[in-house]
Amino acid sequence: MIFDKLEFAIKATPFKYTLDGVYGGKICSQLICQQCGKVKNRLENFYNLSLEVKNLKSVYESFQKFITGEIISDY
């Protein structure tokens, strides 16, 4: 929420891309059809990630869990 307010406040200034450059990133969500192999990518900007930490030993494990794929059978 703080980033939204800061982004709005500096939108019309020369510093409008500062938050993106320092705190921002892009994440790619990818859907792959198991029948035909077609790939659909969606890029999203982010300022923070919500990682699971319960019962995990390190940040590396949290990232591994975050990027682990899943099969969606009803899509």
PDB file of N, CA and C in Angstrom:
ATOM      1  N   MET A   1       0.820  -1.185   0.000  1.00  0.00           N
ATOM      2  CA  MET A   1       0.000   0.000   0.000  1.00  0.00           C
ATOM      3  C   MET A   1       0.870   1.258   0.000  1.00  0.00           C
ATOM      4  N   ILE A   2       1.952   1.235   0.749  1.00  0.00           N
ATOM      5  CA  ILE A   2       2.838   2.390   0.782  1.00  0.00           C
ATOM      6  C   ILE A   2       3.451   2.649  -0.592  1.00  0.00           C
ATOM      7  N   PHE A   3       3.771   1.567  -1.314  1.00  0.00           N
ATOM      8  CA  PHE A   3       4.344   1.737  -2.641  1.00  0.00           C
ATOM      9  C   PHE A   3       3.331   2.346  -3.602  1.00  0.00           C
ATOM     10  N   ASP A   4       2.069   1.982  -3.474  1.00  0.00           N
ATOM     11  CA  ASP A   4       1.025   2.577  -4.318  1.00  0.00           C
ATOM     12  C   ASP A   4       0.946   4.081  -4.097  1.00  0.00           C
ATOM     13  N   LYS A   5       0.991   4.504  -2.841  1.00  0.00           N
ATOM     14  CA  LYS A   5       0.927   5.934  -2.525  1.00  0.00           C
ATOM     15  C   LYS A   5       2.169   6.663  -3.016  1.00  0.00           C
ATOM     16  N   LEU A   6       3.335   6.059  -2.806  1.00  0.00           N
ATOM     17  CA  LEU A   6       4.569   6.678  -3.297  1.00  0.00           C
ATOM     18  C   LEU A   6       4.592   6.762  -4.817  1.00  0.00           C
ATOM     19  N   GLU A   7       4.170   5.697  -5.463  1.00  0.00           N
ATOM     20  CA  GLU A   7       4.139   5.676  -6.920  1.00  0.00           C
ATOM     21  C   GLU A   7       3.227   6.782  -7.453  1.00  0.00           C
ATOM     22  N   PHE A   8       2.079   6.957  -6.842  1.00  0.00           N
ATOM     23  CA  PHE A   8       1.150   8.005  -7.263  1.00  0.00           C
ATOM     24  C   PHE A   8       1.739   9.389  -7.009  1.00  0.00           C
ATOM     25  N   ALA A   9       2.412   9.557  -5.864  1.00  0.00           N
ATOM     26  CA  ALA A   9       2.965  10.860  -5.504  1.00  0.00           C
ATOM     27  C   ALA A   9       4.093  11.302  -6.439  1.00  0.00           C
ATOM     28  N   ILE A  10       4.881  10.368  -6.937  1.00  0.00           N
ATOM     29  CA  ILE A  10       6.015  10.744  -7.801  1.00  0.00           C
ATOM     30  C   ILE A  10       5.743  10.524  -9.285  1.00  0.00           C
ATOM     31  N   LYS A  11       4.506  10.205  -9.615  1.00  0.00           N
ATOM     32  CA  LYS A  11       4.137   9.867 -10.999  1.00  0.00           C
ATOM     33  C   LYS A  11       4.508  10.967 -11.995  1.00  0.00           C
ATOM     34  N   ALA A  12       4.278  12.215 -11.643  1.00  0.00           N
ATOM     35  CA  ALA A  12       4.507  13.324 -12.576  1.00  0.00           C
ATOM     36  C   ALA A  12       5.863  13.986 -12.357  1.00  0.00           C
ATOM     37  N   THR A  13       6.810  13.286 -11.764  1.00  0.00           N
ATOM     38  CA  THR A  13       8.136  13.851 -11.509  1.00  0.00           C
ATOM     39  C   THR A  13       9.189  13.072 -12.291  1.00  0.00           C
ATOM     40  N   PRO A  14      10.401  13.586 -12.340  1.00  0.00           N
ATOM     41  CA  PRO A  14      11.472  12.840 -13.010  1.00  0.00           C
ATOM     42  C   PRO A  14      11.835  11.531 -12.308  1.00  0.00           C
ATOM     43  N   PHE A  15      11.313  11.324 -11.106  1.00  0.00           N
ATOM     44  CA  PHE A  15      11.633  10.130 -10.319  1.00  0.00           C
ATOM     45  C   PHE A  15      10.584   9.032 -10.451  1.00  0.00           C
ATOM     46  N   LYS A  16       9.740   9.116 -11.477  1.00  0.00           N
ATOM     47  CA  LYS A  16       8.604   8.198 -11.582  1.00  0.00           C
ATOM     48  C   LYS A  16       8.998   6.720 -11.716  1.00  0.00           C
ATOM     49  N   TYR A  17      10.218   6.408 -12.158  1.00  0.00           N
ATOM     50  CA  TYR A  17      10.636   5.015 -12.303  1.00  0.00           C
ATOM     51  C   TYR A  17      11.573   4.548 -11.184  1.00  0.00           C
ATOM     52  N   THR A  18      11.762   5.388 -10.179  1.00  0.00           N
ATOM     53  CA  THR A  18      12.682   5.059  -9.098  1.00  0.00           C
ATOM     54  C   THR A  18      12.252   3.811  -8.341  1.00  0.00           C
ATOM     55  N   LEU A  19      10.988   3.706  -7.985  1.00  0.00           N
ATOM     56  CA  LEU A  19      10.518   2.538  -7.234  1.00  0.00           C
ATOM     57  C   LEU A  19      10.702   1.257  -8.029  1.00  0.00           C
ATOM     58  N   ASP A  20      10.397   1.317  -9.319  1.00  0.00           N
ATOM     59  CA  ASP A  20      10.577   0.132 -10.165  1.00  0.00           C
ATOM     60  C   ASP A  20      12.046  -0.289 -10.196  1.00  0.00           C
ATOM     61  N   GLY A  21      12.934   0.674 -10.343  1.00  0.00           N
ATOM     62  CA  GLY A  21      14.349   0.370 -10.450  1.00  0.00           C
ATOM     63  C   GLY A  21      14.961  -0.177  -9.171  1.00  0.00           C
ATOM     64  N   VAL A  22      14.477   0.282  -8.030  1.00  0.00           N
ATOM     65  CA  VAL A  22      15.062  -0.120  -6.757  1.00  0.00           C
ATOM     66  C   VAL A  22      14.344  -1.317  -6.146  1.00  0.00           C
ATOM     67  N   TYR A  23      13.010  -1.276  -6.131  1.00  0.00           N
ATOM     68  CA  TYR A  23      12.243  -2.298  -5.426  1.00  0.00           C
ATOM     69  C   TYR A  23      11.451  -3.234  -6.331  1.00  0.00           C
ATOM     70  N   GLY A  24      11.310  -2.874  -7.585  1.00  0.00           N
ATOM     71  CA  GLY A  24      10.407  -3.623  -8.452  1.00  0.00           C
ATOM     72  C   GLY A  24      11.042  -4.796  -9.161  1.00  0.00           C
ATOM     73  N   GLY A  25      10.173  -5.604  -9.699  1.00  0.00           N
ATOM     74  CA  GLY A  25      10.593  -6.740 -10.495  1.00  0.00           C
ATOM     75  C   GLY A  25       9.435  -7.204 -11.354  1.00  0.00           C
ATOM     76  N   LYS A  26       9.658  -8.201 -12.151  1.00  0.00           N
ATOM     77  CA  LYS A  26       8.609  -8.801 -12.971  1.00  0.00           C
ATOM     78  C   LYS A  26       8.569 -10.286 -12.691  1.00  0.00           C
ATOM     79  N   ILE A  27       7.371 -10.813 -12.690  1.00  0.00           N
ATOM     80  CA  ILE A  27       7.197 -12.245 -12.499  1.00  0.00           C
ATOM     81  C   ILE A  27       6.406 -12.771 -13.699  1.00  0.00           C
ATOM     82  N   CYS A  28       6.775 -13.941 -14.154  1.00  0.00           N
ATOM     83  CA  CYS A  28       6.105 -14.543 -15.299  1.00  0.00           C
ATOM     84  C   CYS A  28       5.281 -15.741 -14.827  1.00  0.00           C
ATOM     85  N   SER A  29       3.983 -15.666 -15.073  1.00  0.00           N
ATOM     86  CA  SER A  29       3.114 -16.813 -14.826  1.00  0.00           C
ATOM     87  C   SER A  29       2.962 -17.538 -16.152  1.00  0.00           C
ATOM     88  N   GLN A  30       3.144 -18.832 -16.146  1.00  0.00           N
ATOM     89  CA  GLN A  30       3.168 -19.587 -17.385  1.00  0.00           C
ATOM     90  C   GLN A  30       2.179 -20.750 -17.327  1.00  0.00           C
ATOM     91  N   LEU A  31       1.362 -20.845 -18.368  1.00  0.00           N
ATOM     92  CA  LEU A  31       0.454 -21.978 -18.541  1.00  0.00           C
ATOM     93  C   LEU A  31       0.929 -22.790 -19.730  1.00  0.00           C
ATOM     94  N   ILE A  32       1.046 -24.097 -19.546  1.00  0.00           N
ATOM     95  CA  ILE A  32       1.485 -24.985 -20.630  1.00  0.00           C
ATOM     96  C   ILE A  32       0.421 -26.058 -20.806  1.00  0.00           C
ATOM     97  N   CYS A  33      -0.145 -26.149 -22.007  1.00  0.00           N
ATOM     98  CA  CYS A  33      -1.154 -27.159 -22.300  1.00  0.00           C
ATOM     99  C   CYS A  33      -0.481 -28.528 -22.377  1.00  0.00           C
ATOM    100  N   GLN A  34      -0.988 -29.493 -21.619  1.00  0.00           N
ATOM    101  CA  GLN A  34      -0.388 -30.826 -21.622  1.00  0.00           C
ATOM    102  C   GLN A  34      -0.723 -31.606 -22.893  1.00  0.00           C
ATOM    103  N   GLN A  35      -1.797 -31.230 -23.597  1.00  0.00           N
ATOM    104  CA  GLN A  35      -2.161 -31.934 -24.831  1.00  0.00           C
ATOM    105  C   GLN A  35      -1.351 -31.446 -26.033  1.00  0.00           C
ATOM    106  N   CYS A  36      -1.353 -30.114 -26.260  1.00  0.00           N
ATOM    107  CA  CYS A  36      -0.710 -29.598 -27.476  1.00  0.00           C
ATOM    108  C   CYS A  36       0.642 -28.931 -27.213  1.00  0.00           C
ATOM    109  N   GLY A  37       0.961 -28.643 -25.944  1.00  0.00           N
ATOM    110  CA  GLY A  37       2.232 -28.015 -25.622  1.00  0.00           C
ATOM    111  C   GLY A  37       2.257 -26.513 -25.786  1.00  0.00           C
ATOM    112  N   LYS A  38       1.109 -25.891 -26.110  1.00  0.00           N
ATOM    113  CA  LYS A  38       1.062 -24.442 -26.275  1.00  0.00           C
ATOM    114  C   LYS A  38       1.388 -23.772 -24.943  1.00  0.00           C
ATOM    115  N   VAL A  39       2.178 -22.700 -25.013  1.00  0.00           N
ATOM    116  CA  VAL A  39       2.617 -21.977 -23.822  1.00  0.00           C
ATOM    117  C   VAL A  39       2.006 -20.581 -23.824  1.00  0.00           C
ATOM    118  N   LYS A  40       1.445 -20.183 -22.682  1.00  0.00           N
ATOM    119  CA  LYS A  40       0.892 -18.841 -22.522  1.00  0.00           C
ATOM    120  C   LYS A  40       1.600 -18.194 -21.341  1.00  0.00           C
ATOM    121  N   ASN A  41       2.255 -17.059 -21.581  1.00  0.00           N
ATOM    122  CA  ASN A  41       2.992 -16.334 -20.547  1.00  0.00           C
ATOM    123  C   ASN A  41       2.258 -15.050 -20.183  1.00  0.00           C
ATOM    124  N   ARG A  42       2.296 -14.697 -18.903  1.00  0.00           N
ATOM    125  CA  ARG A  42       1.727 -13.428 -18.444  1.00  0.00           C
ATOM    126  C   ARG A  42       2.735 -12.781 -17.504  1.00  0.00           C
ATOM    127  N   LEU A  43       3.209 -11.584 -17.868  1.00  0.00           N
ATOM    128  CA  LEU A  43       4.151 -10.848 -17.035  1.00  0.00           C
ATOM    129  C   LEU A  43       3.398  -9.890 -16.128  1.00  0.00           C
ATOM    130  N   GLU A  44       3.828  -9.829 -14.871  1.00  0.00           N
ATOM    131  CA  GLU A  44       3.234  -8.910 -13.904  1.00  0.00           C
ATOM    132  C   GLU A  44       4.350  -8.207 -13.142  1.00  0.00           C
ATOM    133  N   ASN A  45       4.152  -6.919 -12.883  1.00  0.00           N
ATOM    134  CA  ASN A  45       5.085  -6.168 -12.059  1.00  0.00           C
ATOM    135  C   ASN A  45       4.811  -6.473 -10.591  1.00  0.00           C
ATOM    136  N   PHE A  46       5.865  -6.427  -9.768  1.00  0.00           N
ATOM    137  CA  PHE A  46       5.668  -6.605  -8.336  1.00  0.00           C
ATOM    138  C   PHE A  46       6.678  -5.785  -7.554  1.00  0.00           C
ATOM    139  N   TYR A  47       6.317  -5.459  -6.331  1.00  0.00           N
ATOM    140  CA  TYR A  47       7.224  -4.804  -5.387  1.00  0.00           C
ATOM    141  C   TYR A  47       7.567  -5.720  -4.223  1.00  0.00           C
ATOM    142  N   ASN A  48       6.780  -6.766  -4.020  1.00  0.00           N
ATOM    143  CA  ASN A  48       7.086  -7.726  -2.974  1.00  0.00           C
ATOM    144  C   ASN A  48       6.530  -9.085  -3.378  1.00  0.00           C
ATOM    145  N   LEU A  49       7.064 -10.121  -2.769  1.00  0.00           N
ATOM    146  CA  LEU A  49       6.604 -11.484  -3.006  1.00  0.00           C
ATOM    147  C   LEU A  49       6.140 -12.066  -1.678  1.00  0.00           C
ATOM    148  N   SER A  50       5.095 -12.849  -1.724  1.00  0.00           N
ATOM    149  CA  SER A  50       4.641 -13.555  -0.532  1.00  0.00           C
ATOM    150  C   SER A  50       5.162 -14.979  -0.611  1.00  0.00           C
ATOM    151  N   LEU A  51       6.134 -15.278   0.223  1.00  0.00           N
ATOM    152  CA  LEU A  51       6.742 -16.600   0.232  1.00  0.00           C
ATOM    153  C   LEU A  51       6.301 -17.366   1.467  1.00  0.00           C
ATOM    154  N   GLU A  52       6.063 -18.650   1.287  1.00  0.00           N
ATOM    155  CA  GLU A  52       5.756 -19.502   2.421  1.00  0.00           C
ATOM    156  C   GLU A  52       7.043 -19.773   3.193  1.00  0.00           C
ATOM    157  N   VAL A  53       6.977 -19.671   4.520  1.00  0.00           N
ATOM    158  CA  VAL A  53       8.164 -19.921   5.334  1.00  0.00           C
ATOM    159  C   VAL A  53       7.932 -21.009   6.380  1.00  0.00           C
ATOM    160  N   LYS A  54       6.688 -21.311   6.660  1.00  0.00           N
ATOM    161  CA  LYS A  54       6.383 -22.305   7.683  1.00  0.00           C
ATOM    162  C   LYS A  54       6.908 -23.677   7.263  1.00  0.00           C
ATOM    163  N   ASN A  55       7.617 -24.324   8.166  1.00  0.00           N
ATOM    164  CA  ASN A  55       8.195 -25.654   7.967  1.00  0.00           C
ATOM    165  C   ASN A  55       9.255 -25.713   6.869  1.00  0.00           C
ATOM    166  N   LEU A  56       9.812 -24.578   6.480  1.00  0.00           N
ATOM    167  CA  LEU A  56      10.889 -24.537   5.494  1.00  0.00           C
ATOM    168  C   LEU A  56      12.161 -24.048   6.174  1.00  0.00           C
ATOM    169  N   LYS A  57      13.307 -24.542   5.723  1.00  0.00           N
ATOM    170  CA  LYS A  57      14.563 -24.289   6.415  1.00  0.00           C
ATOM    171  C   LYS A  57      15.312 -23.059   5.927  1.00  0.00           C
ATOM    172  N   SER A  58      15.005 -22.573   4.725  1.00  0.00           N
ATOM    173  CA  SER A  58      15.769 -21.444   4.190  1.00  0.00           C
ATOM    174  C   SER A  58      14.929 -20.648   3.195  1.00  0.00           C
ATOM    175  N   VAL A  59      15.442 -19.476   2.869  1.00  0.00           N
ATOM    176  CA  VAL A  59      14.794 -18.656   1.840  1.00  0.00           C
ATOM    177  C   VAL A  59      14.866 -19.377   0.500  1.00  0.00           C
ATOM    178  N   TYR A  60      15.945 -20.096   0.261  1.00  0.00           N
ATOM    179  CA  TYR A  60      16.086 -20.864  -0.973  1.00  0.00           C
ATOM    180  C   TYR A  60      14.935 -21.864  -1.112  1.00  0.00           C
ATOM    181  N   GLU A  61      14.610 -22.573  -0.040  1.00  0.00           N
ATOM    182  CA  GLU A  61      13.482 -23.514  -0.074  1.00  0.00           C
ATOM    183  C   GLU A  61      12.166 -22.784  -0.339  1.00  0.00           C
ATOM    184  N   SER A  62      12.021 -21.599   0.239  1.00  0.00           N
ATOM    185  CA  SER A  62      10.809 -20.805   0.012  1.00  0.00           C
ATOM    186  C   SER A  62      10.669 -20.430  -1.457  1.00  0.00           C
ATOM    187  N   PHE A  63      11.786 -20.003  -2.074  1.00  0.00           N
ATOM    188  CA  PHE A  63      11.758 -19.677  -3.497  1.00  0.00           C
ATOM    189  C   PHE A  63      11.467 -20.916  -4.345  1.00  0.00           C
ATOM    190  N   GLN A  64      12.069 -22.031  -4.000  1.00  0.00           N
ATOM    191  CA  GLN A  64      11.818 -23.273  -4.735  1.00  0.00           C
ATOM    192  C   GLN A  64      10.330 -23.627  -4.689  1.00  0.00           C
ATOM    193  N   LYS A  65       9.722 -23.500  -3.523  1.00  0.00           N
ATOM    194  CA  LYS A  65       8.299 -23.803  -3.390  1.00  0.00           C
ATOM    195  C   LYS A  65       7.467 -22.807  -4.199  1.00  0.00           C
ATOM    196  N   PHE A  66       7.899 -21.544  -4.220  1.00  0.00           N
ATOM    197  CA  PHE A  66       7.178 -20.496  -4.946  1.00  0.00           C
ATOM    198  C   PHE A  66       7.145 -20.777  -6.448  1.00  0.00           C
ATOM    199  N   ILE A  67       8.242 -21.315  -6.995  1.00  0.00           N
ATOM    200  CA  ILE A  67       8.310 -21.520  -8.444  1.00  0.00           C
ATOM    201  C   ILE A  67       7.902 -22.918  -8.881  1.00  0.00           C
ATOM    202  N   THR A  68       7.536 -23.770  -7.932  1.00  0.00           N
ATOM    203  CA  THR A  68       7.117 -25.127  -8.280  1.00  0.00           C
ATOM    204  C   THR A  68       5.799 -25.091  -9.055  1.00  0.00           C
ATOM    205  N   GLY A  69       5.749 -25.816 -10.138  1.00  0.00           N
ATOM    206  CA  GLY A  69       4.554 -25.858 -10.964  1.00  0.00           C
ATOM    207  C   GLY A  69       3.444 -26.692 -10.339  1.00  0.00           C
ATOM    208  N   GLU A  70       2.272 -26.541 -10.898  1.00  0.00           N
ATOM    209  CA  GLU A  70       1.139 -27.348 -10.471  1.00  0.00           C
ATOM    210  C   GLU A  70       0.298 -27.707 -11.678  1.00  0.00           C
ATOM    211  N   ILE A  71      -0.423 -28.797 -11.597  1.00  0.00           N
ATOM    212  CA  ILE A  71      -1.287 -29.218 -12.691  1.00  0.00           C
ATOM    213  C   ILE A  71      -2.713 -28.798 -12.362  1.00  0.00           C
ATOM    214  N   ILE A  72      -3.319 -28.062 -13.299  1.00  0.00           N
ATOM    215  CA  ILE A  72      -4.706 -27.611 -13.152  1.00  0.00           C
ATOM    216  C   ILE A  72      -5.533 -28.463 -14.118  1.00  0.00           C
ATOM    217  N   SER A  73      -6.356 -29.339 -13.580  1.00  0.00           N
ATOM    218  CA  SER A  73      -7.078 -30.278 -14.440  1.00  0.00           C
ATOM    219  C   SER A  73      -8.391 -29.714 -14.978  1.00  0.00           C
ATOM    220  N   ASP A  74      -8.945 -28.687 -14.364  1.00  0.00           N
ATOM    221  CA  ASP A  74     -10.241 -28.163 -14.814  1.00  0.00           C
ATOM    222  C   ASP A  74     -10.124 -26.903 -15.647  1.00  0.00           C
ATOM    223  N   TYR A  75      -8.953 -26.582 -16.166  1.00  0.00           N
ATOM    224  CA  TYR A  75      -8.768 -25.332 -16.898  1.00  0.00           C
ATOM    225  C   TYR A  75      -9.149 -25.510 -18.343  1.00  0.00           C
TER     226      TYR A  75
END
